[in-house]
């Protein structure tokens, strides 16, 4: 089962309820796998320090058997950066 873990220092109250559902739908399209076979864990309120700052940031971990490689990574990276910026207001360089 493909899995995405999103760790962020964004507070829980600023994570929209629709965030996980939208991530599932976008990853389902990108992976070409049914949404019911994907798992997402979102861990807000983390104590995180990135790039010399505690500004809003996220660290994502993507697990899958197959469908991960250099070309796919670029697609997933762009997708995740776009979603994190849109939903959590995290700049793509964070």
N, C-alpha and C. Protein backbone atom coordinates (compact mmCIF):
# COMPACT_ATOMS: atom_id res chain seq x y z
N UNK A 1 0.85 -1.18 0.00
CA UNK A 1 0.00 0.00 0.00
C UNK A 1 0.89 1.24 0.00
N UNK A 2 0.78 2.11 -1.01
CA UNK A 2 1.54 3.36 -1.02
C UNK A 2 1.15 4.23 0.17
N UNK A 3 2.14 4.93 0.71
CA UNK A 3 1.90 5.73 1.90
C UNK A 3 2.63 7.06 1.78
N UNK A 4 1.97 8.13 2.22
CA UNK A 4 2.57 9.45 2.30
C UNK A 4 2.48 9.93 3.74
N UNK A 5 3.61 10.37 4.28
CA UNK A 5 3.64 10.97 5.62
C UNK A 5 4.03 12.43 5.44
N UNK A 6 3.23 13.33 5.99
CA UNK A 6 3.52 14.77 5.93
C UNK A 6 3.72 15.25 7.36
N UNK A 7 4.94 15.65 7.68
CA UNK A 7 5.24 16.27 8.97
C UNK A 7 5.34 17.77 8.73
N UNK A 8 4.66 18.56 9.55
CA UNK A 8 4.69 20.01 9.37
C UNK A 8 4.62 20.72 10.71
N UNK A 9 5.17 21.94 10.73
CA UNK A 9 5.05 22.75 11.94
C UNK A 9 3.81 23.64 11.88
N UNK A 10 3.01 23.49 10.84
CA UNK A 10 1.73 24.19 10.75
C UNK A 10 0.82 23.67 11.86
N UNK A 11 0.11 24.57 12.52
CA UNK A 11 -0.76 24.14 13.62
C UNK A 11 -1.96 23.36 13.08
N UNK A 12 -2.45 22.45 13.88
CA UNK A 12 -3.55 21.57 13.48
C UNK A 12 -4.78 22.36 13.04
N UNK A 13 -5.05 23.47 13.71
CA UNK A 13 -6.24 24.25 13.36
C UNK A 13 -6.12 24.96 12.01
N UNK A 14 -4.92 24.99 11.42
CA UNK A 14 -4.73 25.60 10.10
C UNK A 14 -4.65 24.57 8.99
N UNK A 15 -4.84 23.30 9.33
CA UNK A 15 -4.85 22.24 8.32
C UNK A 15 -6.31 22.01 7.93
N UNK A 16 -6.68 22.36 6.68
CA UNK A 16 -8.07 22.19 6.27
C UNK A 16 -8.51 20.73 6.34
N UNK A 17 -9.77 20.51 6.69
CA UNK A 17 -10.30 19.15 6.78
C UNK A 17 -10.21 18.42 5.44
N UNK A 18 -10.26 19.16 4.36
CA UNK A 18 -10.24 18.55 3.02
C UNK A 18 -8.82 18.20 2.54
N UNK A 19 -7.80 18.58 3.29
CA UNK A 19 -6.41 18.42 2.84
C UNK A 19 -6.06 16.97 2.53
N UNK A 20 -6.32 16.05 3.44
CA UNK A 20 -5.98 14.64 3.21
C UNK A 20 -6.74 14.08 2.01
N UNK A 21 -8.01 14.40 1.91
CA UNK A 21 -8.82 13.91 0.79
C UNK A 21 -8.31 14.40 -0.55
N UNK A 22 -7.92 15.68 -0.61
CA UNK A 22 -7.38 16.22 -1.86
C UNK A 22 -6.04 15.59 -2.20
N UNK A 23 -5.21 15.38 -1.18
CA UNK A 23 -3.92 14.70 -1.41
C UNK A 23 -4.14 13.29 -1.96
N UNK A 24 -5.07 12.56 -1.37
CA UNK A 24 -5.37 11.20 -1.83
C UNK A 24 -5.78 11.21 -3.30
N UNK A 25 -6.66 12.13 -3.66
CA UNK A 25 -7.14 12.19 -5.05
C UNK A 25 -6.00 12.52 -6.01
N UNK A 26 -5.18 13.49 -5.65
CA UNK A 26 -4.07 13.88 -6.52
C UNK A 26 -3.03 12.76 -6.65
N UNK A 27 -2.70 12.12 -5.54
CA UNK A 27 -1.73 11.02 -5.59
C UNK A 27 -2.29 9.82 -6.33
N UNK A 28 -3.56 9.57 -6.18
CA UNK A 28 -4.20 8.47 -6.90
C UNK A 28 -4.04 8.66 -8.41
N UNK A 29 -4.26 9.88 -8.88
CA UNK A 29 -4.07 10.18 -10.30
C UNK A 29 -2.61 10.02 -10.71
N UNK A 30 -1.70 10.57 -9.91
CA UNK A 30 -0.27 10.52 -10.23
C UNK A 30 0.27 9.09 -10.22
N UNK A 31 -0.18 8.29 -9.26
CA UNK A 31 0.28 6.91 -9.14
C UNK A 31 -0.44 5.97 -10.09
N UNK A 32 -1.64 6.38 -10.50
CA UNK A 32 -2.45 5.49 -11.33
C UNK A 32 -2.99 4.32 -10.53
N UNK A 33 -3.25 4.57 -9.23
CA UNK A 33 -3.77 3.53 -8.34
C UNK A 33 -5.06 4.03 -7.70
N UNK A 34 -6.00 3.13 -7.41
CA UNK A 34 -7.25 3.55 -6.76
C UNK A 34 -6.99 4.18 -5.39
N UNK A 35 -7.76 5.22 -5.09
CA UNK A 35 -7.58 5.96 -3.83
C UNK A 35 -7.71 5.06 -2.61
N UNK A 36 -8.53 4.03 -2.68
CA UNK A 36 -8.73 3.17 -1.50
C UNK A 36 -7.48 2.37 -1.12
N UNK A 37 -6.48 2.35 -2.01
CA UNK A 37 -5.24 1.63 -1.71
C UNK A 37 -4.13 2.55 -1.22
N UNK A 38 -4.42 3.82 -1.01
CA UNK A 38 -3.42 4.78 -0.56
C UNK A 38 -3.64 5.14 0.90
N UNK A 39 -2.56 5.44 1.59
CA UNK A 39 -2.65 5.87 2.99
C UNK A 39 -1.90 7.18 3.16
N UNK A 40 -2.47 8.07 3.94
CA UNK A 40 -1.83 9.36 4.21
C UNK A 40 -1.87 9.60 5.71
N UNK A 41 -0.73 10.04 6.23
CA UNK A 41 -0.64 10.43 7.64
C UNK A 41 -0.17 11.88 7.66
N UNK A 42 -0.93 12.75 8.31
CA UNK A 42 -0.57 14.16 8.43
C UNK A 42 -0.30 14.44 9.90
N UNK A 43 0.92 14.89 10.18
CA UNK A 43 1.33 15.17 11.56
C UNK A 43 1.64 16.67 11.69
N UNK A 44 0.65 17.46 12.15
CA UNK A 44 0.86 18.90 12.33
C UNK A 44 1.50 19.20 13.68
N UNK A 45 1.74 20.48 13.93
CA UNK A 45 2.25 20.97 15.22
C UNK A 45 3.65 20.47 15.55
N UNK A 46 4.43 20.10 14.55
CA UNK A 46 5.78 19.60 14.82
C UNK A 46 6.74 20.72 15.16
N UNK A 47 7.74 20.40 15.95
CA UNK A 47 8.82 21.34 16.22
C UNK A 47 9.84 21.11 15.11
N UNK A 48 9.92 22.07 14.17
CA UNK A 48 10.74 21.87 12.98
C UNK A 48 11.59 23.10 12.72
N UNK A 49 12.80 22.85 12.25
CA UNK A 49 13.77 23.90 11.93
C UNK A 49 14.34 23.55 10.57
N UNK A 50 14.12 24.40 9.58
CA UNK A 50 14.59 24.11 8.23
C UNK A 50 15.18 25.36 7.60
N UNK A 51 16.33 25.22 6.97
CA UNK A 51 16.94 26.36 6.29
C UNK A 51 17.27 27.51 7.22
N UNK A 52 17.59 27.21 8.47
CA UNK A 52 17.95 28.24 9.43
C UNK A 52 16.77 29.00 10.02
N UNK A 53 15.56 28.44 9.88
CA UNK A 53 14.38 29.16 10.34
C UNK A 53 13.29 28.20 10.82
N UNK A 54 12.40 28.73 11.63
CA UNK A 54 11.23 27.96 12.08
C UNK A 54 9.97 28.40 11.33
N UNK A 55 10.13 29.10 10.21
CA UNK A 55 8.99 29.48 9.37
C UNK A 55 8.24 28.21 8.96
N UNK A 56 6.98 28.35 8.55
CA UNK A 56 6.21 27.18 8.14
C UNK A 56 6.96 26.32 7.12
N UNK A 57 7.00 25.02 7.39
CA UNK A 57 7.70 24.08 6.51
C UNK A 57 7.05 22.71 6.64
N UNK A 58 7.47 21.81 5.77
CA UNK A 58 6.97 20.44 5.81
C UNK A 58 8.06 19.50 5.32
N UNK A 59 8.04 18.29 5.84
CA UNK A 59 8.91 17.21 5.37
C UNK A 59 7.98 16.05 5.01
N UNK A 60 8.10 15.59 3.77
CA UNK A 60 7.22 14.54 3.28
C UNK A 60 8.01 13.28 3.00
N UNK A 61 7.42 12.15 3.33
CA UNK A 61 8.03 10.84 3.08
C UNK A 61 7.04 10.01 2.28
N UNK A 62 7.47 9.56 1.12
CA UNK A 62 6.61 8.83 0.20
C UNK A 62 7.14 7.41 0.07
N UNK A 63 6.27 6.44 0.32
CA UNK A 63 6.66 5.03 0.26
C UNK A 63 5.79 4.30 -0.75
N UNK A 64 6.42 3.49 -1.59
CA UNK A 64 5.68 2.70 -2.56
C UNK A 64 6.59 1.62 -3.13
N UNK A 65 5.99 0.51 -3.48
CA UNK A 65 6.73 -0.51 -4.22
C UNK A 65 6.50 -0.17 -5.69
N UNK A 66 7.55 0.25 -6.35
CA UNK A 66 7.42 0.70 -7.73
C UNK A 66 6.86 2.12 -7.79
N UNK A 67 6.80 2.67 -8.96
CA UNK A 67 6.26 4.01 -9.21
C UNK A 67 7.05 5.11 -8.53
N UNK A 68 8.28 4.82 -8.10
CA UNK A 68 9.15 5.85 -7.54
C UNK A 68 10.49 5.74 -8.27
N UNK A 69 10.91 6.84 -8.84
CA UNK A 69 12.16 6.91 -9.57
C UNK A 69 12.43 8.36 -9.91
N UNK A 70 13.52 8.62 -10.60
CA UNK A 70 13.94 10.00 -10.86
C UNK A 70 12.85 10.81 -11.56
N UNK A 71 12.27 10.28 -12.61
CA UNK A 71 11.23 11.02 -13.35
C UNK A 71 9.96 11.18 -12.52
N UNK A 72 9.54 10.11 -11.87
CA UNK A 72 8.33 10.17 -11.04
C UNK A 72 8.51 11.13 -9.86
N UNK A 73 9.72 11.12 -9.28
CA UNK A 73 9.98 11.99 -8.13
C UNK A 73 9.73 13.46 -8.46
N UNK A 74 10.08 13.87 -9.67
CA UNK A 74 9.85 15.26 -10.08
C UNK A 74 8.36 15.58 -10.10
N UNK A 75 7.57 14.64 -10.60
CA UNK A 75 6.11 14.82 -10.65
C UNK A 75 5.55 14.91 -9.24
N UNK A 76 5.95 13.97 -8.37
CA UNK A 76 5.43 13.95 -6.99
C UNK A 76 5.86 15.20 -6.23
N UNK A 77 7.11 15.63 -6.44
CA UNK A 77 7.62 16.82 -5.76
C UNK A 77 6.80 18.05 -6.13
N UNK A 78 6.55 18.21 -7.42
CA UNK A 78 5.77 19.35 -7.88
C UNK A 78 4.34 19.29 -7.32
N UNK A 79 3.75 18.11 -7.36
CA UNK A 79 2.40 17.93 -6.85
C UNK A 79 2.33 18.28 -5.36
N UNK A 80 3.26 17.75 -4.57
CA UNK A 80 3.25 17.99 -3.12
C UNK A 80 3.52 19.46 -2.81
N UNK A 81 4.49 20.07 -3.48
CA UNK A 81 4.78 21.49 -3.24
C UNK A 81 3.56 22.36 -3.55
N UNK A 82 2.89 22.05 -4.64
CA UNK A 82 1.69 22.81 -5.02
C UNK A 82 0.60 22.66 -3.97
N UNK A 83 0.35 21.42 -3.53
CA UNK A 83 -0.69 21.18 -2.53
C UNK A 83 -0.35 21.82 -1.18
N UNK A 84 0.91 21.71 -0.76
CA UNK A 84 1.32 22.29 0.52
C UNK A 84 1.20 23.81 0.49
N UNK A 85 1.53 24.40 -0.64
CA UNK A 85 1.42 25.85 -0.78
C UNK A 85 -0.05 26.27 -0.79
N UNK A 86 -0.86 25.57 -1.55
CA UNK A 86 -2.28 25.90 -1.69
C UNK A 86 -3.04 25.72 -0.38
N UNK A 87 -2.84 24.59 0.28
CA UNK A 87 -3.64 24.25 1.45
C UNK A 87 -3.06 24.74 2.78
N UNK A 88 -1.72 24.72 2.91
CA UNK A 88 -1.10 25.07 4.19
C UNK A 88 -0.31 26.38 4.13
N UNK A 89 -0.26 27.00 2.95
CA UNK A 89 0.47 28.26 2.75
C UNK A 89 1.96 28.12 3.03
N UNK A 90 2.50 26.94 2.72
CA UNK A 90 3.94 26.70 2.88
C UNK A 90 4.61 26.97 1.54
N UNK A 91 5.56 27.91 1.49
CA UNK A 91 6.26 28.19 0.23
C UNK A 91 6.97 26.94 -0.29
N UNK A 92 7.08 26.83 -1.60
CA UNK A 92 7.66 25.62 -2.20
C UNK A 92 9.14 25.44 -1.87
N UNK A 93 9.81 26.48 -1.39
CA UNK A 93 11.22 26.33 -1.01
C UNK A 93 11.38 25.94 0.45
N UNK A 94 10.29 25.60 1.10
CA UNK A 94 10.32 25.21 2.51
C UNK A 94 9.93 23.76 2.66
